[in-house]
Each structure stands twice: as C-alpha cells, then as structure tokens.
C-alpha atoms as a PDB file:
ATOM      1  CA  MET A   1       0.000   0.000   0.000  1.00  0.00           C
ATOM      2  CA  ASN A   2       1.234   3.484  -0.841  1.00  0.00           C
ATOM      3  CA  PHE A   3       1.965   6.127   1.782  1.00  0.00           C
ATOM      4  CA  GLU A   4       1.811   9.857   1.072  1.00  0.00           C
ATOM      5  CA  MET A   5       5.356  11.237   1.283  1.00  0.00           C
ATOM      6  CA  LYS A   6       4.550  14.730   2.536  1.00  0.00           C
ATOM      7  CA  TYR A   7       8.045  15.467   3.776  1.00  0.00           C
ATOM      8  CA  LEU A   8      11.651  14.590   3.070  1.00  0.00           C
ATOM      9  CA  VAL A   9      13.654  12.572   5.584  1.00  0.00           C
ATOM     10  CA  THR A  10      17.222  13.800   5.216  1.00  0.00           C
ATOM     11  CA  PRO A  11      20.107  11.508   6.217  1.00  0.00           C
ATOM     12  CA  ARG A  12      22.880  13.201   8.145  1.00  0.00           C
ATOM     13  CA  TYR A  13      24.554  10.197   9.660  1.00  0.00           C
ATOM     14  CA  LEU A  14      26.890  10.369  12.628  1.00  0.00           C
ATOM     15  CA  THR A  15      30.393   9.052  12.117  1.00  0.00           C
ATOM     16  CA  LYS A  16      30.780   5.366  12.918  1.00  0.00           C
ATOM     17  CA  PRO A  17      32.035   3.576  14.819  1.00  0.00           C
ATOM     18  CA  SER A  18      31.596   5.918  17.758  1.00  0.00           C
ATOM     19  CA  LYS A  19      29.946   5.890  21.157  1.00  0.00           C
ATOM     20  CA  ARG A  20      26.767   7.413  19.772  1.00  0.00           C
ATOM     21  CA  ARG A  21      26.657   5.296  16.604  1.00  0.00           C
ATOM     22  CA  SER A  22      28.089   1.828  16.898  1.00  0.00           C
ATOM     23  CA  GLY A  23      26.869   0.745  13.470  1.00  0.00           C
ATOM     24  CA  GLN A  24      25.212  -2.369  14.901  1.00  0.00           C
ATOM     25  CA  ARG A  25      22.095  -3.426  13.020  1.00  0.00           C
ATOM     26  CA  MET A  26      18.792  -3.825  14.857  1.00  0.00           C
ATOM     27  CA  ASP A  27      18.892  -7.535  15.513  1.00  0.00           C
ATOM     28  CA  PRO A  28      15.146  -8.332  15.511  1.00  0.00           C
ATOM     29  CA  GLY A  29      14.289  -5.395  13.240  1.00  0.00           C
ATOM     30  CA  VAL A  30      11.996  -2.485  14.134  1.00  0.00           C
ATOM     31  CA  LYS A  31       9.271  -3.584  16.553  1.00  0.00           C
ATOM     32  CA  PHE A  32       8.050  -0.271  18.009  1.00  0.00           C
ATOM     33  CA  ILE A  33       8.623   3.499  18.145  1.00  0.00           C
ATOM     34  CA  VAL A  34       9.720   5.543  21.176  1.00  0.00           C
ATOM     35  CA  VAL A  35       8.766   9.217  21.071  1.00  0.00           C
ATOM     36  CA  HIS A  36      10.985  11.776  22.799  1.00  0.00           C
ATOM     37  CA  ASP A  37      11.568  15.501  23.009  1.00  0.00           C
ATOM     38  CA  THR A  38      14.986  17.105  23.173  1.00  0.00           C
ATOM     39  CA  GLY A  39      14.497  18.673  26.611  1.00  0.00           C
ATOM     40  CA  ASN A  40      16.396  21.657  25.247  1.00  0.00           C
ATOM     41  CA  PRO A  41      13.993  24.423  24.132  1.00  0.00           C
ATOM     42  CA  ASN A  42      14.856  26.242  20.892  1.00  0.00           C
ATOM     43  CA  SER A  43      17.495  23.726  19.839  1.00  0.00           C
ATOM     44  CA  SER A  44      16.900  22.879  16.184  1.00  0.00           C
ATOM     45  CA  ALA A  45      17.174  19.498  14.507  1.00  0.00           C
ATOM     46  CA  SER A  46      20.423  20.493  12.806  1.00  0.00           C
ATOM     47  CA  ALA A  47      21.888  21.865  16.041  1.00  0.00           C
ATOM     48  CA  ASN A  48      21.121  18.617  17.860  1.00  0.00           C
ATOM     49  CA  VAL A  49      22.651  16.474  15.139  1.00  0.00           C
ATOM     50  CA  ARG A  50      25.719  18.728  15.053  1.00  0.00           C
ATOM     51  CA  TYR A  51      26.079  18.409  18.826  1.00  0.00           C
ATOM     52  CA  TYR A  52      25.776  14.621  18.586  1.00  0.00           C
ATOM     53  CA  GLU A  53      28.472  14.495  15.923  1.00  0.00           C
ATOM     54  CA  ASN A  54      30.848  16.784  17.804  1.00  0.00           C
ATOM     55  CA  SER A  55      30.424  14.748  20.991  1.00  0.00           C
ATOM     56  CA  ARG A  56      30.160  11.346  19.335  1.00  0.00           C
ATOM     57  CA  ASN A  57      33.018   9.855  21.369  1.00  0.00           C
ATOM     58  CA  GLU A  58      32.167  11.565  24.647  1.00  0.00           C
ATOM     59  CA  MET A  59      28.877   9.828  25.475  1.00  0.00           C
ATOM     60  CA  SER A  60      26.647   7.088  24.114  1.00  0.00           C
ATOM     61  CA  ALA A  61      23.129   8.604  24.328  1.00  0.00           C
ATOM     62  CA  SER A  62      21.586   8.908  20.869  1.00  0.00           C
ATOM     63  CA  ALA A  63      18.403   8.817  18.791  1.00  0.00           C
ATOM     64  CA  HIS A  64      17.549   8.127  15.180  1.00  0.00           C
ATOM     65  CA  LEU A  65      15.619  11.227  14.144  1.00  0.00           C
ATOM     66  CA  PHE A  66      15.289  14.886  15.089  1.00  0.00           C
ATOM     67  CA  VAL A  67      12.265  16.864  13.913  1.00  0.00           C
ATOM     68  CA  ASP A  68      11.702  20.624  13.921  1.00  0.00           C
ATOM     69  CA  ASP A  69       9.603  23.000  11.826  1.00  0.00           C
ATOM     70  CA  ARG A  70      12.105  23.009   8.951  1.00  0.00           C
ATOM     71  CA  GLU A  71      13.346  19.461   8.529  1.00  0.00           C
ATOM     72  CA  ILE A  72      13.402  15.830   9.567  1.00  0.00           C
ATOM     73  CA  LEU A  73      17.001  14.732  10.063  1.00  0.00           C
ATOM     74  CA  GLU A  74      18.101  11.143  10.471  1.00  0.00           C
ATOM     75  CA  CYS A  75      21.437  10.811  12.239  1.00  0.00           C
ATOM     76  CA  ILE A  76      21.335   7.047  12.783  1.00  0.00           C
ATOM     77  CA  PRO A  77      19.847   4.954   9.957  1.00  0.00           C
ATOM     78  CA  ALA A  78      16.217   4.011  10.492  1.00  0.00           C
ATOM     79  CA  LEU A  79      14.111   5.077   7.512  1.00  0.00           C
ATOM     80  CA  THR A  80      16.649   5.917   4.812  1.00  0.00           C
ATOM     81  CA  ALA A  81      18.859   2.841   5.235  1.00  0.00           C
ATOM     82  CA  PRO A  82      18.739  -0.483   7.100  1.00  0.00           C
ATOM     83  CA  PRO A  83      18.027   0.373  10.753  1.00  0.00           C
ATOM     84  CA  GLU A  84      20.834   0.485  13.283  1.00  0.00           C
ATOM     85  CA  LYS A  85      20.707   0.525  17.069  1.00  0.00           C
ATOM     86  CA  ALA A  86      20.568   3.812  18.970  1.00  0.00           C
ATOM     87  CA  TRP A  87      20.928   4.320  22.712  1.00  0.00           C
ATOM     88  CA  HIS A  88      17.773   6.227  23.704  1.00  0.00           C
ATOM     89  CA  VAL A  89      16.318   4.205  26.625  1.00  0.00           C
ATOM     90  CA  LEU A  90      18.240   2.760  29.563  1.00  0.00           C
ATOM     91  CA  TYR A  91      18.864  -0.975  29.276  1.00  0.00           C
ATOM     92  CA  SER A  92      18.253  -1.307  33.023  1.00  0.00           C
ATOM     93  CA  VAL A  93      14.649  -0.137  32.633  1.00  0.00           C
ATOM     94  CA  GLN A  94      12.518  -3.176  31.811  1.00  0.00           C
ATOM     95  CA  THR A  95       9.165  -1.607  30.891  1.00  0.00           C
ATOM     96  CA  ASP A  96       9.947  -1.803  27.165  1.00  0.00           C
ATOM     97  CA  ASN A  97      10.668  -5.533  27.451  1.00  0.00           C
ATOM     98  CA  GLN A  98       7.449  -6.084  29.388  1.00  0.00           C
ATOM     99  CA  LEU A  99       5.317  -4.170  26.870  1.00  0.00           C
ATOM    100  CA  PHE A 100       6.898  -5.195  23.582  1.00  0.00           C
ATOM    101  CA  GLY A 101       9.135  -8.178  24.327  1.00  0.00           C
ATOM    102  CA  TYR A 102      12.269  -6.320  23.229  1.00  0.00           C
ATOM    103  CA  ASP A 103      14.656  -3.713  24.536  1.00  0.00           C
ATOM    104  CA  ALA A 104      14.117  -0.319  22.914  1.00  0.00           C
ATOM    105  CA  ASN A 105      17.775   0.120  22.021  1.00  0.00           C
ATOM    106  CA  ASN A 106      17.708  -3.129  20.071  1.00  0.00           C
ATOM    107  CA  ALA A 107      14.339  -2.869  18.384  1.00  0.00           C
ATOM    108  CA  ALA A 108      12.840   0.639  18.489  1.00  0.00           C
ATOM    109  CA  ILE A 109      13.247   3.832  16.511  1.00  0.00           C
ATOM    110  CA  GLY A 110      13.780   6.906  18.695  1.00  0.00           C
ATOM    111  CA  VAL A 111      12.181  10.129  17.383  1.00  0.00           C
ATOM    112  CA  GLU A 112      13.043  13.495  18.994  1.00  0.00           C
ATOM    113  CA  TYR A 113      10.691  16.497  18.918  1.00  0.00           C
ATOM    114  CA  CYS A 114      12.282  19.959  18.825  1.00  0.00           C
ATOM    115  CA  TYR A 115      10.304  22.775  20.437  1.00  0.00           C
ATOM    116  CA  GLY A 116      10.599  26.312  21.746  1.00  0.00           C
ATOM    117  CA  ASP A 117       9.572  29.902  21.134  1.00  0.00           C
ATOM    118  CA  ARG A 118      11.744  30.162  18.011  1.00  0.00           C
ATOM    119  CA  ILE A 119      10.263  26.998  16.457  1.00  0.00           C
ATOM    120  CA  ASP A 120       6.891  26.961  14.690  1.00  0.00           C
ATOM    121  CA  ALA A 121       5.081  24.490  16.949  1.00  0.00           C
ATOM    122  CA  ASP A 122       2.354  23.612  14.463  1.00  0.00           C
ATOM    123  CA  GLU A 123       4.720  22.836  11.612  1.00  0.00           C
ATOM    124  CA  ALA A 124       7.124  20.896  13.834  1.00  0.00           C
ATOM    125  CA  TYR A 125       4.205  18.881  15.202  1.00  0.00           C
ATOM    126  CA  ARG A 126       2.910  18.090  11.714  1.00  0.00           C
ATOM    127  CA  LYS A 127       6.298  16.718  10.700  1.00  0.00           C
ATOM    128  CA  TYR A 128       6.689  14.824  13.981  1.00  0.00           C
ATOM    129  CA  VAL A 129       3.302  13.110  13.653  1.00  0.00           C
ATOM    130  CA  TRP A 130       3.919  12.304   9.995  1.00  0.00           C
ATOM    131  CA  VAL A 131       7.338  10.715  10.462  1.00  0.00           C
ATOM    132  CA  ILE A 132       6.084   8.535  13.329  1.00  0.00           C
ATOM    133  CA  ALA A 133       3.170   7.410  11.153  1.00  0.00           C
ATOM    134  CA  TYR A 134       5.550   6.781   8.247  1.00  0.00           C
ATOM    135  CA  ALA A 135       7.822   4.645  10.424  1.00  0.00           C
ATOM    136  CA  CYS A 136       4.811   2.552  11.414  1.00  0.00           C
ATOM    137  CA  HIS A 137       3.875   2.122   7.755  1.00  0.00           C
ATOM    138  CA  LYS A 138       7.394   1.279   6.633  1.00  0.00           C
ATOM    139  CA  TYR A 139       7.830  -1.471   9.219  1.00  0.00           C
ATOM    140  CA  GLY A 140       4.299  -2.838   9.271  1.00  0.00           C
ATOM    141  CA  LEU A 141       3.496  -1.629  12.796  1.00  0.00           C
ATOM    142  CA  ASP A 142       0.044  -0.904  14.195  1.00  0.00           C
ATOM    143  CA  PRO A 143       0.175   2.829  15.026  1.00  0.00           C
ATOM    144  CA  ALA A 144      -2.421   2.368  17.770  1.00  0.00           C
ATOM    145  CA  LYS A 145      -0.232  -0.141  19.636  1.00  0.00           C
ATOM    146  CA  SER A 146       3.374   0.466  18.607  1.00  0.00           C
ATOM    147  CA  VAL A 147       4.117   4.040  19.754  1.00  0.00           C
ATOM    148  CA  VAL A 148       5.175   4.796  23.321  1.00  0.00           C
ATOM    149  CA  GLY A 149       6.542   7.816  25.149  1.00  0.00           C
ATOM    150  CA  HIS A 150       9.929   7.789  26.846  1.00  0.00           C
ATOM    151  CA  PHE A 151       8.265   8.984  30.070  1.00  0.00           C
ATOM    152  CA  PHE A 152       6.026   5.904  29.996  1.00  0.00           C
ATOM    153  CA  LEU A 153       9.033   3.594  29.838  1.00  0.00           C
ATOM    154  CA  ASP A 154      11.099   5.478  32.436  1.00  0.00           C
ATOM    155  CA  PRO A 155       8.686   7.564  34.564  1.00  0.00           C
ATOM    156  CA  ARG A 156      11.078   8.159  37.452  1.00  0.00           C
ATOM    157  CA  ARG A 157      13.613   9.935  35.277  1.00  0.00           C
ATOM    158  CA  LYS A 158      11.899  11.220  32.130  1.00  0.00           C
ATOM    159  CA  SER A 159       8.989  13.448  31.109  1.00  0.00           C
ATOM    160  CA  ASP A 160       9.441  13.449  27.329  1.00  0.00           C
ATOM    161  CA  PRO A 161       7.657  14.031  25.057  1.00  0.00           C
ATOM    162  CA  VAL A 162       5.028  15.388  27.462  1.00  0.00           C
ATOM    163  CA  THR A 163       7.099  18.479  28.265  1.00  0.00           C
ATOM    164  CA  GLY A 164       7.760  19.392  24.645  1.00  0.00           C
ATOM    165  CA  LEU A 165       4.175  18.745  23.598  1.00  0.00           C
ATOM    166  CA  ALA A 166       2.829  20.887  26.438  1.00  0.00           C
ATOM    167  CA  HIS A 167       5.005  23.746  25.204  1.00  0.00           C
ATOM    168  CA  SER A 168       3.199  23.309  21.889  1.00  0.00           C
ATOM    169  CA  ARG A 169      -0.250  23.201  23.579  1.00  0.00           C
ATOM    170  CA  ARG A 170      -0.706  19.505  22.931  1.00  0.00           C
ATOM    171  CA  THR A 171      -0.871  16.329  24.981  1.00  0.00           C
ATOM    172  CA  TYR A 172       0.675  12.897  24.710  1.00  0.00           C
ATOM    173  CA  GLU A 173      -2.790  11.351  24.330  1.00  0.00           C
ATOM    174  CA  GLN A 174      -3.504  13.694  21.436  1.00  0.00           C
ATOM    175  CA  LEU A 175      -0.208  12.716  19.803  1.00  0.00           C
ATOM    176  CA  LEU A 176      -1.172   9.045  19.875  1.00  0.00           C
ATOM    177  CA  ARG A 177      -4.562   9.817  18.314  1.00  0.00           C
ATOM    178  CA  ASP A 178      -3.033  12.072  15.667  1.00  0.00           C
ATOM    179  CA  VAL A 179      -0.456   9.462  14.654  1.00  0.00           C
ATOM    180  CA  VAL A 180      -3.246   6.974  13.990  1.00  0.00           C
ATOM    181  CA  SER A 181      -5.221   9.561  12.004  1.00  0.00           C
ATOM    182  CA  GLU A 182      -2.157  10.570   9.983  1.00  0.00           C
ATOM    183  CA  TYR A 183      -1.295   6.949   9.273  1.00  0.00           C
ATOM    184  CA  ARG A 184      -4.783   6.302   7.926  1.00  0.00           C
ATOM    185  CA  ALA A 185      -4.901   9.527   5.936  1.00  0.00           C
ATOM    186  CA  CYS A 186      -1.517   8.942   4.294  1.00  0.00           C
ATOM    187  CA  ARG A 187      -2.571   5.394   3.377  1.00  0.00           C
ATOM    188  CA  ASN A 188      -5.873   6.740   2.051  1.00  0.00           C
ATOM    189  CA  GLU A 189      -7.844   4.713   4.561  1.00  0.00           C
ATOM    190  CA  ILE A 190     -11.107   6.632   4.877  1.00  0.00           C
ATOM    191  CA  PRO A 191     -12.360   6.756   8.479  1.00  0.00           C
ATOM    192  CA  ASP A 192     -15.959   6.634   9.588  1.00  0.00           C
ATOM    193  CA  PRO A 193     -16.504  10.214  10.843  1.00  0.00           C
ATOM    194  CA  ALA A 194     -19.157   9.187  13.352  1.00  0.00           C
ATOM    195  CA  ALA A 195     -16.921   6.587  14.978  1.00  0.00           C
ATOM    196  CA  GLU A 196     -13.617   8.420  14.560  1.00  0.00           C
ATOM    197  CA  TRP A 197     -14.576  11.936  15.596  1.00  0.00           C
ATOM    198  CA  GLY A 198     -18.005  11.672  17.184  1.00  0.00           C
ATOM    199  CA  ARG A 199     -19.591  13.536  14.264  1.00  0.00           C
ATOM    200  CA  GLU A 200     -23.294  14.305  14.730  1.00  0.00           C
ATOM    201  CA  ASN A 201     -25.923  15.542  12.276  1.00  0.00           C
ATOM    202  CA  VAL A 202     -26.468  18.948  13.863  1.00  0.00           C
ATOM    203  CA  SER A 203     -26.902  22.038  11.684  1.00  0.00           C
ATOM    204  CA  GLY A 204     -26.922  25.785  12.175  1.00  0.00           C
ATOM    205  CA  THR A 205     -25.102  29.019  11.425  1.00  0.00           C
ATOM    206  CA  VAL A 206     -22.211  30.662  13.288  1.00  0.00           C
ATOM    207  CA  THR A 207     -20.049  33.741  12.769  1.00  0.00           C
ATOM    208  CA  ALA A 208     -16.240  33.723  12.674  1.00  0.00           C
ATOM    209  CA  THR A 209     -14.705  35.847  15.433  1.00  0.00           C
ATOM    210  CA  VAL A 210     -11.162  35.628  14.014  1.00  0.00           C
ATOM    211  CA  LYS A 211      -9.553  34.821  10.697  1.00  0.00           C
ATOM    212  CA  LEU A 212     -10.520  31.169  10.439  1.00  0.00           C
ATOM    213  CA  ASN A 213      -9.193  28.219   8.431  1.00  0.00           C
ATOM    214  CA  LEU A 214     -11.610  25.691   6.959  1.00  0.00           C
ATOM    215  CA  ARG A 215      -9.802  22.344   6.809  1.00  0.00           C
ATOM    216  CA  ARG A 216     -10.326  19.592   4.256  1.00  0.00           C
ATOM    217  CA  GLY A 217     -11.037  16.056   5.367  1.00  0.00           C
ATOM    218  CA  ALA A 218     -10.426  16.145   9.133  1.00  0.00           C
ATOM    219  CA  PRO A 219     -11.033  18.263  12.256  1.00  0.00           C
ATOM    220  CA  SER A 220      -7.336  18.897  12.746  1.00  0.00           C
ATOM    221  CA  THR A 221      -4.822  21.701  12.353  1.00  0.00           C
ATOM    222  CA  ARG A 222      -2.731  19.245  10.326  1.00  0.00           C
ATOM    223  CA  ALA A 223      -5.424  18.892   7.655  1.00  0.00           C
ATOM    224  CA  PRO A 224      -4.930  20.981   4.491  1.00  0.00           C
ATOM    225  CA  VAL A 225      -6.584  24.399   4.403  1.00  0.00           C
ATOM    226  CA  HIS A 226      -9.519  24.567   1.999  1.00  0.00           C
ATOM    227  CA  GLN A 227     -10.258  28.249   2.609  1.00  0.00           C
ATOM    228  CA  SER A 228      -9.476  31.064   5.041  1.00  0.00           C
ATOM    229  CA  VAL A 229     -12.293  33.437   5.946  1.00  0.00           C
ATOM    230  CA  PRO A 230     -12.088  36.792   7.754  1.00  0.00           C
ATOM    231  CA  ALA A 231     -13.713  37.613  11.082  1.00  0.00           C
ATOM    232  CA  GLY A 232     -17.394  38.367  10.664  1.00  0.00           C
ATOM    233  CA  THR A 233     -18.001  35.691   8.022  1.00  0.00           C
ATOM    234  CA  LYS A 234     -21.196  33.697   8.530  1.00  0.00           C
ATOM    235  CA  LEU A 235     -20.685  29.954   8.214  1.00  0.00           C
ATOM    236  CA  ASP A 236     -23.332  27.285   7.809  1.00  0.00           C
ATOM    237  CA  TYR A 237     -22.559  23.945   9.372  1.00  0.00           C
ATOM    238  CA  ALA A 238     -24.166  20.540   8.830  1.00  0.00           C
ATOM    239  CA  PHE A 239     -22.286  18.533  11.445  1.00  0.00           C
ATOM    240  CA  LEU A 240     -20.978  18.893  14.980  1.00  0.00           C
ATOM    241  CA  VAL A 241     -17.758  17.096  15.885  1.00  0.00           C
ATOM    242  CA  ARG A 242     -17.013  16.384  19.532  1.00  0.00           C
ATOM    243  CA  LYS A 243     -13.695  14.543  19.236  1.00  0.00           C
ATOM    244  CA  GLY A 244     -11.617  16.685  16.903  1.00  0.00           C
ATOM    245  CA  GLU A 245      -8.069  17.843  17.594  1.00  0.00           C
ATOM    246  CA  ALA A 246      -7.960  19.754  20.871  1.00  0.00           C
ATOM    247  CA  VAL A 247      -7.035  23.407  20.404  1.00  0.00           C
ATOM    248  CA  ASN A 248      -6.569  25.271  23.688  1.00  0.00           C
ATOM    249  CA  GLY A 249      -8.297  22.335  25.346  1.00  0.00           C
ATOM    250  CA  ASN A 250     -11.385  22.538  23.091  1.00  0.00           C
ATOM    251  CA  ARG A 251     -12.067  19.477  20.899  1.00  0.00           C
ATOM    252  CA  VAL A 252     -15.374  20.668  19.380  1.00  0.00           C
ATOM    253  CA  TRP A 253     -15.371  21.461  15.647  1.00  0.00           C
ATOM    254  CA  TYR A 254     -18.035  22.107  13.017  1.00  0.00           C
ATOM    255  CA  ALA A 255     -18.230  20.751   9.476  1.00  0.00           C
ATOM    256  CA  ASP A 256     -20.071  22.175   6.489  1.00  0.00           C
ATOM    257  CA  ALA A 257     -22.050  20.085   4.010  1.00  0.00           C
ATOM    258  CA  ALA A 258     -18.956  19.665   1.805  1.00  0.00           C
ATOM    259  CA  GLY A 259     -16.921  18.146   4.644  1.00  0.00           C
ATOM    260  CA  ASN A 260     -14.772  21.173   5.486  1.00  0.00           C
ATOM    261  CA  TYR A 261     -14.030  21.480   9.208  1.00  0.00           C
ATOM    262  CA  PHE A 262     -13.561  24.578  11.354  1.00  0.00           C
ATOM    263  CA  TRP A 263     -12.792  24.929  15.056  1.00  0.00           C
ATOM    264  CA  SER A 264     -15.616  26.022  17.348  1.00  0.00           C
ATOM    265  CA  GLY A 265     -13.300  28.265  19.356  1.00  0.00           C
ATOM    266  CA  GLY A 266     -13.049  30.629  16.395  1.00  0.00           C
ATOM    267  CA  VAL A 267     -16.779  31.274  16.036  1.00  0.00           C
ATOM    268  CA  ARG A 268     -19.799  32.433  18.022  1.00  0.00           C
END
C-alpha cells in the first residue's frame, strides 16, 4: 500500500564507529517506536545532530531522528537505510521488554521532537506526527499499539515528550490519536466520521470571530486548508464534531455540508 510522502527525511549520519553510533544493526528489526523531546527548548534538529556528531566519542546517548519545523534529520539509519541501534532508553529499565518483548535500544526507533519559542510548533508537530506514522507504515506496525513515550518507559527519570508537547499546547494522548489519524490519511484509509470523531448531524449558522481556516477532510490543524475566511463571516454547518483535535483544550469542531471542518473556538 502506498503512503503519502509529505516530507523529506534527510540523512545526516553520525560518524561510525563511535559511542553514539556503533553501526550495529537492529537484531530483531523495528518492533516499536519511542517518542521523545529534546528537553532543550529552541534547539533545532540540525543543532542537535551537530552536537551529537561533535560529541560522538564523549557519550553514548543517541536517537535516530530529530524533527523541527524546517526538517526531519536522520542521524542514525532508520528510515533511509537499514536500521541500526541507537541508545535512547536505559537498558536497566525493563518496561519496554514487558510491553513489547524487546529492549528499545535493540528494536525501536527513537524520534526526537524539537520545540521552543523560536520553532513553529504547528509545523514541527505536523512533521513529527507524519514521520512517526511513516515509520509505522514502513515497518508494518500498528500505530495504535506500537508508539510509546519515553516517560512511559522510564517515569522516574523522564517526562518526554510530554514536556515538549505541552510547550506546543498539545498532549501525549492527542499525539497518539493524531499518529493513527495521519497513518490512515496517508494510506488513504477513509475513516468513519461518526466513529472516529463523534460527528453528529447537527446544523446551524455561526459567525467567525477571528480569521478562520476551513480544513479539508479532518477536524485537525494538520489537515490541508480549503479556505481562510475573515472575522465576521457567517458559516453554515451541517455537522458537529465532539472529538476533533484539541485546540486550547477545546475538541469541538463544526463541518459544512462539503466536509470542510472549522474549530468552534473561532466562532460564536
């Protein structure tokens, strides 16, 4: 099945052999995905990869991919070449083995989210969600069962990616939902709106209070923009959606008869 290649994954491999990149292949192959954030606000993908390269023989901690608003960089092969091991979860922590039957360093891709005031949170998040979904597609993983946060594996020490997502006004639970939605959308698997988003046949008219984007195909800020309307525009809706993407904590969206979605927080 085809997968929509919205973005480019750029290889910028660390030198091997080194502490950060041993060059060892993933022995069982890719079995799950561990999602991280950098823990270093305003550090870009390129800056992180450069730091990893410059310190490649000083420490062993590593990850496969760094994602910001501009690019998706792969510093240890995972998607652009046969996958190699990276050291992104402590071997002494056994939660990964209990959940998936494998150690994360041996069998999981580590994806780092870059965040901060100088990074466009929406664009970085779109790329982050997409590359996680793409990894699931590439390795035949169920996106609803194969993605786990670093904090979930090592709760005493780690809070990623919860911290980075919160900076971007999003939650870990939302990330998991959005990865599944992105996976289905990029594979052209059409969801049932009633089951997927709680869409109800409720109609009416509202007025935009801000410049508002009407999104094609899904109640999500990641969906393509069909049209932007100025404040004061009257909008007819044919559906009410109760389980769309949460924006400022509000998951309610409207949809017009043509299936274009707009967030309820931008109307009255």
